[in-house]
Amino acid sequence: MPRTLSPSAHRRRAGCLFCVPGLAFLGLFLAYPLLYTVWTSVHDVELGQLLGGEERFNGLDNYRAVLDDPAFWHSVRLSLLFTLASLLLQFTLGFALALLFARPFPFNALLRSLLLIAWLLPPVVSGTLFRWMLDADSGAYNALLRAAGLGALSHDWLTDPSTSLAGVILANVWVGVPFNMLLLLVGLHTIDPALHEAAALDGANAWQRLRHITLPLMRPVSVTVLLLGLVYTFKVFDIVFVMTGGGPVDATRVLSLYVYEVFFTFFRFGHGAAAGLLLLVVPLLVGVFYVRRLRREEETTAGGAV
């Protein structure tokens, strides 16, 4: 006599079946490429071996080669500078805009929607737009300087090593500000207006209310926004590649472009796989910190509720 499953067992089996497509997708497009990258990083794989040769196991030699490469550390420094400058400007401008749009005024929703266009556009489009704007001859930025009588300040922004990184940072900030503004605006709407009203009745001015009420209550949202921005910005590739290609003279060759060049310019796949895994270290550490922080907050909230 066939065994009859209980309703709870049926639900568990159905739940497992529903998980199969998602698990298959993750295995095919996430787990397998990651495991293959790890395997490649410990083998001597170049174009010849990839096309039919035999890959030689070399242990941690690829990692040592990456860590001994001055170009790698140059890219790390550029990535850190690019990330920190972008995060600072994105968060500051996004917070200021969130404070602005938290107050009702005419065309609030329309202006907020227009600002989101910068975030919705593909990064390749944004990079191309800023490359045209910062062009030395036909760029809009230099045209505005000349129209304002400041033609002496016009500059070849993206081909000068001293200003090219600033131009790329500017484009990335333009893309990231709407994302920061949107998340921070949601956080501002969770603050009880009665707190500001009570502080105003007690004589607190706008700066004091911002410092002692808004900023402390926005801390969890602010940390989340900064961590998400760090993970995204540290691995930015498309904007930099479209605007400068890593030049001039490696002035904008951030870590993601370093990995790309090792792979697709020099065809040193083992070396590139090791560099790519090292690129994942910072986002991975940030992700672990973020998950542990969320867990601590949930435990604190649960403890307070009890």
C-alpha atoms as a PDB file:
ATOM      1  CA  MET A   1       0.000   0.000   0.000  1.00  0.00           C
ATOM      2  CA  PRO A   2       1.575   3.346  -1.022  1.00  0.00           C
ATOM      3  CA  ARG A   3       2.527   5.612   1.784  1.00  0.00           C
ATOM      4  CA  THR A   4       0.322   8.684   2.187  1.00  0.00           C
ATOM      5  CA  LEU A   5       2.137  11.917   2.882  1.00  0.00           C
ATOM      6  CA  SER A   6       0.792  14.330   5.455  1.00  0.00           C
ATOM      7  CA  PRO A   7      -0.279  17.829   4.360  1.00  0.00           C
ATOM      8  CA  SER A   8       2.839  19.319   5.978  1.00  0.00           C
ATOM      9  CA  ALA A   9       5.076  16.905   4.057  1.00  0.00           C
ATOM     10  CA  HIS A  10       3.291  17.839   0.823  1.00  0.00           C
ATOM     11  CA  ARG A  11       3.953  21.517   1.534  1.00  0.00           C
ATOM     12  CA  ARG A  12       7.618  20.852   2.252  1.00  0.00           C
ATOM     13  CA  ARG A  13       7.993  18.841  -0.958  1.00  0.00           C
ATOM     14  CA  ALA A  14       6.218  21.537  -2.971  1.00  0.00           C
ATOM     15  CA  GLY A  15       8.457  24.170  -1.399  1.00  0.00           C
ATOM     16  CA  CYS A  16      11.558  22.214  -2.386  1.00  0.00           C
ATOM     17  CA  LEU A  17      10.300  21.855  -5.956  1.00  0.00           C
ATOM     18  CA  PHE A  18       9.690  25.592  -6.196  1.00  0.00           C
ATOM     19  CA  CYS A  19      13.276  26.194  -5.039  1.00  0.00           C
ATOM     20  CA  VAL A  20      14.795  23.999  -7.762  1.00  0.00           C
ATOM     21  CA  PRO A  21      14.717  26.622 -10.603  1.00  0.00           C
ATOM     22  CA  GLY A  22      16.255  29.278  -8.382  1.00  0.00           C
ATOM     23  CA  LEU A  23      18.951  26.917  -7.107  1.00  0.00           C
ATOM     24  CA  ALA A  24      19.710  25.790 -10.653  1.00  0.00           C
ATOM     25  CA  PHE A  25      20.048  29.408 -11.774  1.00  0.00           C
ATOM     26  CA  LEU A  26      22.386  30.242  -8.881  1.00  0.00           C
ATOM     27  CA  GLY A  27      24.440  27.127  -9.488  1.00  0.00           C
ATOM     28  CA  LEU A  28      24.808  27.782 -13.218  1.00  0.00           C
ATOM     29  CA  PHE A  29      25.448  31.520 -13.176  1.00  0.00           C
ATOM     30  CA  LEU A  30      27.033  32.075  -9.752  1.00  0.00           C
ATOM     31  CA  ALA A  31      28.474  28.967  -8.129  1.00  0.00           C
ATOM     32  CA  TYR A  32      30.016  27.400 -11.253  1.00  0.00           C
ATOM     33  CA  PRO A  33      31.732  30.608 -12.521  1.00  0.00           C
ATOM     34  CA  LEU A  34      33.038  31.324  -9.024  1.00  0.00           C
ATOM     35  CA  LEU A  35      34.413  27.804  -8.559  1.00  0.00           C
ATOM     36  CA  TYR A  36      35.941  27.862 -12.038  1.00  0.00           C
ATOM     37  CA  THR A  37      37.583  31.207 -11.253  1.00  0.00           C
ATOM     38  CA  VAL A  38      39.050  29.744  -8.059  1.00  0.00           C
ATOM     39  CA  TRP A  39      40.340  26.749 -10.052  1.00  0.00           C
ATOM     40  CA  THR A  40      41.855  29.026 -12.710  1.00  0.00           C
ATOM     41  CA  SER A  41      43.533  31.191 -10.077  1.00  0.00           C
ATOM     42  CA  VAL A  42      45.687  28.281  -8.915  1.00  0.00           C
ATOM     43  CA  HIS A  43      46.694  27.146 -12.408  1.00  0.00           C
ATOM     44  CA  ASP A  44      48.989  28.553 -15.049  1.00  0.00           C
ATOM     45  CA  VAL A  45      46.401  29.354 -17.713  1.00  0.00           C
ATOM     46  CA  GLU A  46      47.232  31.470 -20.748  1.00  0.00           C
ATOM     47  CA  LEU A  47      45.706  31.642 -24.207  1.00  0.00           C
ATOM     48  CA  GLY A  48      47.617  28.621 -25.501  1.00  0.00           C
ATOM     49  CA  GLN A  49      46.569  26.372 -22.634  1.00  0.00           C
ATOM     50  CA  LEU A  50      43.002  27.607 -22.841  1.00  0.00           C
ATOM     51  CA  LEU A  51      42.742  26.647 -26.529  1.00  0.00           C
ATOM     52  CA  GLY A  52      43.928  23.117 -26.007  1.00  0.00           C
ATOM     53  CA  GLY A  53      47.022  22.976 -23.877  1.00  0.00           C
ATOM     54  CA  GLU A  54      47.400  21.466 -20.446  1.00  0.00           C
ATOM     55  CA  GLU A  55      46.919  23.781 -17.485  1.00  0.00           C
ATOM     56  CA  ARG A  56      49.681  23.433 -14.910  1.00  0.00           C
ATOM     57  CA  PHE A  57      48.866  23.675 -11.203  1.00  0.00           C
ATOM     58  CA  ASN A  58      51.000  26.401  -9.634  1.00  0.00           C
ATOM     59  CA  GLY A  59      49.410  26.883  -6.206  1.00  0.00           C
ATOM     60  CA  LEU A  60      49.519  30.462  -4.991  1.00  0.00           C
ATOM     61  CA  ASP A  61      52.005  31.688  -7.596  1.00  0.00           C
ATOM     62  CA  ASN A  62      49.354  33.762  -9.378  1.00  0.00           C
ATOM     63  CA  TYR A  63      48.415  35.495  -6.140  1.00  0.00           C
ATOM     64  CA  ARG A  64      52.071  36.221  -5.411  1.00  0.00           C
ATOM     65  CA  ALA A  65      52.517  37.624  -8.913  1.00  0.00           C
ATOM     66  CA  VAL A  66      49.525  39.908  -8.449  1.00  0.00           C
ATOM     67  CA  LEU A  67      50.645  41.117  -5.034  1.00  0.00           C
ATOM     68  CA  ASP A  68      54.162  41.745  -6.339  1.00  0.00           C
ATOM     69  CA  ASP A  69      52.886  43.766  -9.307  1.00  0.00           C
ATOM     70  CA  PRO A  70      53.255  47.553  -8.730  1.00  0.00           C
ATOM     71  CA  ALA A  71      50.439  48.146 -11.239  1.00  0.00           C
ATOM     72  CA  PHE A  72      48.074  46.183  -8.982  1.00  0.00           C
ATOM     73  CA  TRP A  73      48.803  48.386  -5.968  1.00  0.00           C
ATOM     74  CA  HIS A  74      48.511  51.486  -8.146  1.00  0.00           C
ATOM     75  CA  SER A  75      45.034  50.296  -9.153  1.00  0.00           C
ATOM     76  CA  VAL A  76      44.147  49.574  -5.523  1.00  0.00           C
ATOM     77  CA  ARG A  77      45.092  53.129  -4.521  1.00  0.00           C
ATOM     78  CA  LEU A  78      43.060  54.571  -7.376  1.00  0.00           C
ATOM     79  CA  SER A  79      40.064  52.381  -6.477  1.00  0.00           C
ATOM     80  CA  LEU A  80      40.190  53.490  -2.849  1.00  0.00           C
ATOM     81  CA  LEU A  81      40.460  57.164  -3.835  1.00  0.00           C
ATOM     82  CA  PHE A  82      37.694  56.805  -6.414  1.00  0.00           C
ATOM     83  CA  THR A  83      35.439  54.984  -3.932  1.00  0.00           C
ATOM     84  CA  LEU A  84      35.967  57.300  -0.963  1.00  0.00           C
ATOM     85  CA  ALA A  85      35.539  60.499  -3.000  1.00  0.00           C
ATOM     86  CA  SER A  86      32.428  59.149  -4.719  1.00  0.00           C
ATOM     87  CA  LEU A  87      30.865  57.969  -1.453  1.00  0.00           C
ATOM     88  CA  LEU A  88      31.520  61.261   0.317  1.00  0.00           C
ATOM     89  CA  LEU A  89      30.026  63.378  -2.461  1.00  0.00           C
ATOM     90  CA  GLN A  90      27.143  61.022  -3.238  1.00  0.00           C
ATOM     91  CA  PHE A  91      26.067  60.740   0.377  1.00  0.00           C
ATOM     92  CA  THR A  92      26.432  64.455   1.150  1.00  0.00           C
ATOM     93  CA  LEU A  93      24.521  65.612  -1.918  1.00  0.00           C
ATOM     94  CA  GLY A  94      21.979  62.817  -1.579  1.00  0.00           C
ATOM     95  CA  PHE A  95      21.303  63.698   2.050  1.00  0.00           C
ATOM     96  CA  ALA A  96      20.930  67.390   1.213  1.00  0.00           C
ATOM     97  CA  LEU A  97      18.454  66.577  -1.562  1.00  0.00           C
ATOM     98  CA  ALA A  98      16.578  64.172   0.710  1.00  0.00           C
ATOM     99  CA  LEU A  99      16.170  66.949   3.299  1.00  0.00           C
ATOM    100  CA  LEU A 100      14.929  69.240   0.530  1.00  0.00           C
ATOM    101  CA  PHE A 101      12.383  66.800  -0.884  1.00  0.00           C
ATOM    102  CA  ALA A 102      11.191  65.770   2.579  1.00  0.00           C
ATOM    103  CA  ARG A 103       9.442  69.161   2.731  1.00  0.00           C
ATOM    104  CA  PRO A 104       6.328  69.773   0.615  1.00  0.00           C
ATOM    105  CA  PHE A 105       6.695  72.366  -2.156  1.00  0.00           C
ATOM    106  CA  PRO A 106       5.283  72.803  -5.683  1.00  0.00           C
ATOM    107  CA  PHE A 107       6.437  70.216  -8.256  1.00  0.00           C
ATOM    108  CA  ASN A 108       8.183  68.168  -5.555  1.00  0.00           C
ATOM    109  CA  ALA A 109       7.243  64.807  -7.077  1.00  0.00           C
ATOM    110  CA  LEU A 110       8.080  65.935 -10.623  1.00  0.00           C
ATOM    111  CA  LEU A 111      11.547  67.191  -9.723  1.00  0.00           C
ATOM    112  CA  ARG A 112      12.244  64.064  -7.695  1.00  0.00           C
ATOM    113  CA  SER A 113      11.270  61.892 -10.647  1.00  0.00           C
ATOM    114  CA  LEU A 114      13.508  63.872 -12.998  1.00  0.00           C
ATOM    115  CA  LEU A 115      16.470  63.394 -10.677  1.00  0.00           C
ATOM    116  CA  LEU A 116      15.960  59.633 -10.777  1.00  0.00           C
ATOM    117  CA  ILE A 117      16.655  59.614 -14.519  1.00  0.00           C
ATOM    118  CA  ALA A 118      20.385  59.804 -13.788  1.00  0.00           C
ATOM    119  CA  TRP A 119      20.146  56.573 -11.795  1.00  0.00           C
ATOM    120  CA  LEU A 120      17.863  54.803 -14.299  1.00  0.00           C
ATOM    121  CA  LEU A 121      20.083  55.447 -17.301  1.00  0.00           C
ATOM    122  CA  PRO A 122      22.550  52.650 -18.168  1.00  0.00           C
ATOM    123  CA  PRO A 123      26.045  53.483 -16.889  1.00  0.00           C
ATOM    124  CA  VAL A 124      27.407  53.271 -20.433  1.00  0.00           C
ATOM    125  CA  VAL A 125      25.028  56.046 -21.485  1.00  0.00           C
ATOM    126  CA  SER A 126      25.985  58.178 -18.489  1.00  0.00           C
ATOM    127  CA  GLY A 127      29.687  57.664 -19.171  1.00  0.00           C
ATOM    128  CA  THR A 128      29.280  58.588 -22.828  1.00  0.00           C
ATOM    129  CA  LEU A 129      27.289  61.692 -21.886  1.00  0.00           C
ATOM    130  CA  PHE A 130      29.978  62.927 -19.501  1.00  0.00           C
ATOM    131  CA  ARG A 131      32.736  62.124 -21.986  1.00  0.00           C
ATOM    132  CA  TRP A 132      31.035  64.461 -24.454  1.00  0.00           C
ATOM    133  CA  MET A 133      30.407  67.118 -21.819  1.00  0.00           C
ATOM    134  CA  LEU A 134      34.063  67.151 -20.717  1.00  0.00           C
ATOM    135  CA  ASP A 135      35.499  67.092 -24.236  1.00  0.00           C
ATOM    136  CA  ALA A 136      38.173  69.743 -24.720  1.00  0.00           C
ATOM    137  CA  ASP A 137      36.859  71.173 -28.011  1.00  0.00           C
ATOM    138  CA  SER A 138      33.117  70.557 -28.166  1.00  0.00           C
ATOM    139  CA  GLY A 139      32.305  69.808 -24.537  1.00  0.00           C
ATOM    140  CA  ALA A 140      29.474  71.645 -22.822  1.00  0.00           C
ATOM    141  CA  TYR A 141      31.536  72.304 -19.691  1.00  0.00           C
ATOM    142  CA  ASN A 142      34.262  74.223 -21.492  1.00  0.00           C
ATOM    143  CA  ALA A 143      31.612  76.016 -23.586  1.00  0.00           C
ATOM    144  CA  LEU A 144      29.941  77.258 -20.400  1.00  0.00           C
ATOM    145  CA  LEU A 145      33.286  78.477 -19.070  1.00  0.00           C
ATOM    146  CA  ARG A 146      33.963  80.386 -22.284  1.00  0.00           C
ATOM    147  CA  ALA A 147      30.430  81.833 -22.307  1.00  0.00           C
ATOM    148  CA  ALA A 148      30.942  83.059 -18.742  1.00  0.00           C
ATOM    149  CA  GLY A 149      34.194  84.746 -19.689  1.00  0.00           C
ATOM    150  CA  LEU A 150      36.305  82.112 -17.954  1.00  0.00           C
ATOM    151  CA  GLY A 151      37.802  80.604 -21.077  1.00  0.00           C
ATOM    152  CA  ALA A 152      41.212  80.546 -19.404  1.00  0.00           C
ATOM    153  CA  LEU A 153      39.890  77.801 -17.123  1.00  0.00           C
ATOM    154  CA  SER A 154      38.819  75.557 -20.003  1.00  0.00           C
ATOM    155  CA  HIS A 155      40.751  72.342 -19.964  1.00  0.00           C
ATOM    156  CA  ASP A 156      41.160  68.973 -21.614  1.00  0.00           C
ATOM    157  CA  TRP A 157      39.679  67.254 -18.575  1.00  0.00           C
ATOM    158  CA  LEU A 158      39.801  63.576 -19.535  1.00  0.00           C
ATOM    159  CA  THR A 159      43.172  63.501 -21.279  1.00  0.00           C
ATOM    160  CA  ASP A 160      45.082  65.255 -18.516  1.00  0.00           C
ATOM    161  CA  PRO A 161      46.301  62.764 -15.869  1.00  0.00           C
ATOM    162  CA  SER A 162      45.834  65.384 -13.140  1.00  0.00           C
ATOM    163  CA  THR A 163      42.100  65.867 -13.820  1.00  0.00           C
ATOM    164  CA  SER A 164      40.892  62.674 -15.522  1.00  0.00           C
ATOM    165  CA  LEU A 165      40.117  60.863 -12.274  1.00  0.00           C
ATOM    166  CA  ALA A 166      38.124  63.858 -11.035  1.00  0.00           C
ATOM    167  CA  GLY A 167      36.052  63.751 -14.233  1.00  0.00           C
ATOM    168  CA  VAL A 168      35.284  60.071 -13.751  1.00  0.00           C
ATOM    169  CA  ILE A 169      34.369  60.671 -10.107  1.00  0.00           C
ATOM    170  CA  LEU A 170      32.028  63.466 -11.200  1.00  0.00           C
ATOM    171  CA  ALA A 171      30.182  61.118 -13.563  1.00  0.00           C
ATOM    172  CA  ASN A 172      29.903  58.402 -10.923  1.00  0.00           C
ATOM    173  CA  VAL A 173      28.597  60.902  -8.366  1.00  0.00           C
ATOM    174  CA  TRP A 174      25.942  62.060 -10.835  1.00  0.00           C
ATOM    175  CA  VAL A 175      24.784  58.446 -11.198  1.00  0.00           C
ATOM    176  CA  GLY A 176      24.848  57.657  -7.467  1.00  0.00           C
ATOM    177  CA  VAL A 177      23.251  60.766  -5.950  1.00  0.00           C
ATOM    178  CA  PRO A 178      19.633  59.812  -6.870  1.00  0.00           C
ATOM    179  CA  PHE A 179      20.055  56.358  -5.302  1.00  0.00           C
ATOM    180  CA  ASN A 180      21.363  57.885  -2.079  1.00  0.00           C
ATOM    181  CA  MET A 181      18.621  60.507  -2.086  1.00  0.00           C
ATOM    182  CA  LEU A 182      15.865  57.925  -2.565  1.00  0.00           C
ATOM    183  CA  LEU A 183      16.950  55.654   0.288  1.00  0.00           C
ATOM    184  CA  LEU A 184      17.675  58.543   2.639  1.00  0.00           C
ATOM    185  CA  LEU A 185      14.326  60.148   1.825  1.00  0.00           C
ATOM    186  CA  VAL A 186      12.560  56.942   2.830  1.00  0.00           C
ATOM    187  CA  GLY A 187      14.479  57.012   6.093  1.00  0.00           C
ATOM    188  CA  LEU A 188      13.514  60.631   6.749  1.00  0.00           C
ATOM    189  CA  HIS A 189       9.835  59.789   6.314  1.00  0.00           C
ATOM    190  CA  THR A 190      10.105  57.222   9.133  1.00  0.00           C
ATOM    191  CA  ILE A 191      11.014  59.936  11.683  1.00  0.00           C
ATOM    192  CA  ASP A 192       8.017  61.048  13.717  1.00  0.00           C
ATOM    193  CA  PRO A 193       7.347  64.767  12.950  1.00  0.00           C
ATOM    194  CA  ALA A 194       6.191  65.197  16.547  1.00  0.00           C
ATOM    195  CA  LEU A 195       9.830  64.960  17.668  1.00  0.00           C
ATOM    196  CA  HIS A 196      10.792  68.011  15.590  1.00  0.00           C
ATOM    197  CA  GLU A 197       7.692  69.889  16.694  1.00  0.00           C
ATOM    198  CA  ALA A 198       8.457  69.242  20.356  1.00  0.00           C
ATOM    199  CA  ALA A 199      12.091  70.318  19.888  1.00  0.00           C
ATOM    200  CA  ALA A 200      11.003  73.494  18.097  1.00  0.00           C
ATOM    201  CA  LEU A 201       8.655  74.334  20.969  1.00  0.00           C
ATOM    202  CA  ASP A 202      11.597  73.894  23.346  1.00  0.00           C
ATOM    203  CA  GLY A 203      13.563  76.475  21.354  1.00  0.00           C
ATOM    204  CA  ALA A 204      15.771  74.236  19.204  1.00  0.00           C
ATOM    205  CA  ASN A 205      16.729  75.784  15.862  1.00  0.00           C
ATOM    206  CA  ALA A 206      16.926  73.920  12.550  1.00  0.00           C
ATOM    207  CA  TRP A 207      20.610  72.992  12.950  1.00  0.00           C
ATOM    208  CA  GLN A 208      20.061  71.646  16.479  1.00  0.00           C
ATOM    209  CA  ARG A 209      17.091  69.572  15.326  1.00  0.00           C
ATOM    210  CA  LEU A 210      19.170  68.176  12.472  1.00  0.00           C
ATOM    211  CA  ARG A 211      22.131  67.388  14.722  1.00  0.00           C
ATOM    212  CA  HIS A 212      20.314  65.930  17.731  1.00  0.00           C
ATOM    213  CA  ILE A 213      17.223  64.345  16.150  1.00  0.00           C
ATOM    214  CA  THR A 214      17.569  63.702  12.419  1.00  0.00           C
ATOM    215  CA  LEU A 215      21.178  62.509  12.232  1.00  0.00           C
ATOM    216  CA  PRO A 216      20.998  60.064  15.192  1.00  0.00           C
ATOM    217  CA  LEU A 217      17.708  58.570  13.992  1.00  0.00           C
ATOM    218  CA  MET A 218      19.037  58.309  10.434  1.00  0.00           C
ATOM    219  CA  ARG A 219      22.157  56.434  11.480  1.00  0.00           C
ATOM    220  CA  PRO A 220      20.922  52.899  10.586  1.00  0.00           C
ATOM    221  CA  VAL A 221      19.733  54.039   7.155  1.00  0.00           C
ATOM    222  CA  SER A 222      22.900  56.064   6.575  1.00  0.00           C
ATOM    223  CA  VAL A 223      25.159  53.113   7.376  1.00  0.00           C
ATOM    224  CA  THR A 224      23.164  50.895   5.021  1.00  0.00           C
ATOM    225  CA  VAL A 225      23.370  53.452   2.209  1.00  0.00           C
ATOM    226  CA  LEU A 226      27.127  53.869   2.674  1.00  0.00           C
ATOM    227  CA  LEU A 227      27.771  50.122   2.740  1.00  0.00           C
ATOM    228  CA  LEU A 228      25.701  49.514  -0.387  1.00  0.00           C
ATOM    229  CA  GLY A 229      27.448  52.413  -2.094  1.00  0.00           C
ATOM    230  CA  LEU A 230      30.848  51.029  -1.119  1.00  0.00           C
ATOM    231  CA  VAL A 231      30.073  47.590  -2.571  1.00  0.00           C
ATOM    232  CA  TYR A 232      28.816  49.088  -5.841  1.00  0.00           C
ATOM    233  CA  THR A 233      31.420  51.831  -6.281  1.00  0.00           C
ATOM    234  CA  PHE A 234      34.487  49.724  -5.527  1.00  0.00           C
ATOM    235  CA  LYS A 235      33.760  47.449  -8.479  1.00  0.00           C
ATOM    236  CA  VAL A 236      32.633  50.133 -10.970  1.00  0.00           C
ATOM    237  CA  PHE A 237      33.893  49.302 -14.447  1.00  0.00           C
ATOM    238  CA  ASP A 238      31.586  50.542 -17.195  1.00  0.00           C
ATOM    239  CA  ILE A 239      31.685  54.290 -16.515  1.00  0.00           C
ATOM    240  CA  VAL A 240      35.482  54.374 -16.246  1.00  0.00           C
ATOM    241  CA  PHE A 241      35.944  52.151 -19.285  1.00  0.00           C
ATOM    242  CA  VAL A 242      33.650  54.275 -21.468  1.00  0.00           C
ATOM    243  CA  MET A 243      35.089  57.625 -20.375  1.00  0.00           C
ATOM    244  CA  THR A 244      38.834  56.989 -20.291  1.00  0.00           C
ATOM    245  CA  GLY A 245      39.559  53.292 -20.778  1.00  0.00           C
ATOM    246  CA  GLY A 246      41.869  53.516 -17.769  1.00  0.00           C
ATOM    247  CA  GLY A 247      44.001  56.307 -19.210  1.00  0.00           C
ATOM    248  CA  PRO A 248      45.652  58.609 -19.678  1.00  0.00           C
ATOM    249  CA  VAL A 249      48.890  56.999 -18.510  1.00  0.00           C
ATOM    250  CA  ASP A 250      46.954  54.672 -16.160  1.00  0.00           C
ATOM    251  CA  ALA A 251      45.587  57.694 -14.267  1.00  0.00           C
ATOM    252  CA  THR A 252      42.123  56.095 -14.031  1.00  0.00           C
ATOM    253  CA  ARG A 253      42.978  52.391 -14.191  1.00  0.00           C
ATOM    254  CA  VAL A 254      40.991  51.283 -11.165  1.00  0.00           C
ATOM    255  CA  LEU A 255      41.131  47.699  -9.957  1.00  0.00           C
ATOM    256  CA  SER A 256      38.286  46.457 -12.136  1.00  0.00           C
ATOM    257  CA  LEU A 257      40.067  47.770 -15.246  1.00  0.00           C
ATOM    258  CA  TYR A 258      43.308  46.178 -14.085  1.00  0.00           C
ATOM    259  CA  VAL A 259      41.555  42.800 -13.962  1.00  0.00           C
ATOM    260  CA  TYR A 260      40.017  43.411 -17.388  1.00  0.00           C
ATOM    261  CA  GLU A 261      43.374  44.271 -18.966  1.00  0.00           C
ATOM    262  CA  VAL A 262      45.105  41.236 -17.489  1.00  0.00           C
ATOM    263  CA  PHE A 263      42.360  39.007 -18.866  1.00  0.00           C
ATOM    264  CA  PHE A 264      41.596  40.466 -22.287  1.00  0.00           C
ATOM    265  CA  THR A 265      44.749  42.384 -23.205  1.00  0.00           C
ATOM    266  CA  PHE A 266      47.524  40.120 -21.928  1.00  0.00           C
ATOM    267  CA  PHE A 267      45.459  36.877 -21.833  1.00  0.00           C
ATOM    268  CA  ARG A 268      46.969  35.846 -18.482  1.00  0.00           C
ATOM    269  CA  PHE A 269      43.867  34.098 -17.238  1.00  0.00           C
ATOM    270  CA  GLY A 270      45.342  32.600 -14.079  1.00  0.00           C
ATOM    271  CA  HIS A 271      46.791  35.958 -13.092  1.00  0.00           C
ATOM    272  CA  GLY A 272      43.498  37.682 -13.908  1.00  0.00           C
ATOM    273  CA  ALA A 273      41.441  35.157 -11.952  1.00  0.00           C
ATOM    274  CA  ALA A 274      43.605  35.746  -8.880  1.00  0.00           C
ATOM    275  CA  ALA A 275      43.253  39.519  -9.268  1.00  0.00           C
ATOM    276  CA  GLY A 276      39.491  39.158  -9.725  1.00  0.00           C
ATOM    277  CA  LEU A 277      39.165  37.169  -6.515  1.00  0.00           C
ATOM    278  CA  LEU A 278      41.219  39.782  -4.678  1.00  0.00           C
ATOM    279  CA  LEU A 279      38.810  42.393  -6.070  1.00  0.00           C
ATOM    280  CA  LEU A 280      36.003  40.540  -4.282  1.00  0.00           C
ATOM    281  CA  VAL A 281      37.697  40.827  -0.894  1.00  0.00           C
ATOM    282  CA  VAL A 282      36.457  44.331  -0.050  1.00  0.00           C
ATOM    283  CA  PRO A 283      32.798  43.760  -1.075  1.00  0.00           C
ATOM    284  CA  LEU A 284      32.857  40.406   0.731  1.00  0.00           C
ATOM    285  CA  LEU A 285      34.147  41.935   3.962  1.00  0.00           C
ATOM    286  CA  VAL A 286      31.600  44.731   3.695  1.00  0.00           C
ATOM    287  CA  GLY A 287      28.834  42.192   3.086  1.00  0.00           C
ATOM    288  CA  VAL A 288      29.827  40.142   6.140  1.00  0.00           C
ATOM    289  CA  PHE A 289      29.935  43.284   8.276  1.00  0.00           C
ATOM    290  CA  TYR A 290      26.509  44.363   6.960  1.00  0.00           C
ATOM    291  CA  VAL A 291      24.877  40.980   7.655  1.00  0.00           C
ATOM    292  CA  ARG A 292      26.345  40.820  11.158  1.00  0.00           C
ATOM    293  CA  ARG A 293      25.163  44.359  11.839  1.00  0.00           C
ATOM    294  CA  LEU A 294      21.635  43.546  10.702  1.00  0.00           C
ATOM    295  CA  ARG A 295      21.630  40.467  12.902  1.00  0.00           C
ATOM    296  CA  ARG A 296      22.725  42.487  15.921  1.00  0.00           C
ATOM    297  CA  GLU A 297      19.992  45.058  15.248  1.00  0.00           C
ATOM    298  CA  GLU A 298      17.360  42.317  14.990  1.00  0.00           C
ATOM    299  CA  GLU A 299      18.544  40.788  18.269  1.00  0.00           C
ATOM    300  CA  THR A 300      18.495  44.191  19.948  1.00  0.00           C
ATOM    301  CA  THR A 301      15.003  44.896  18.626  1.00  0.00           C
ATOM    302  CA  ALA A 302      13.768  41.488  19.719  1.00  0.00           C
ATOM    303  CA  GLY A 303      15.330  41.961  23.157  1.00  0.00           C
ATOM    304  CA  GLY A 304      13.722  45.388  23.523  1.00  0.00           C
ATOM    305  CA  ALA A 305      10.356  43.990  22.488  1.00  0.00           C
ATOM    306  CA  VAL A 306      10.589  41.290  25.161  1.00  0.00           C
END
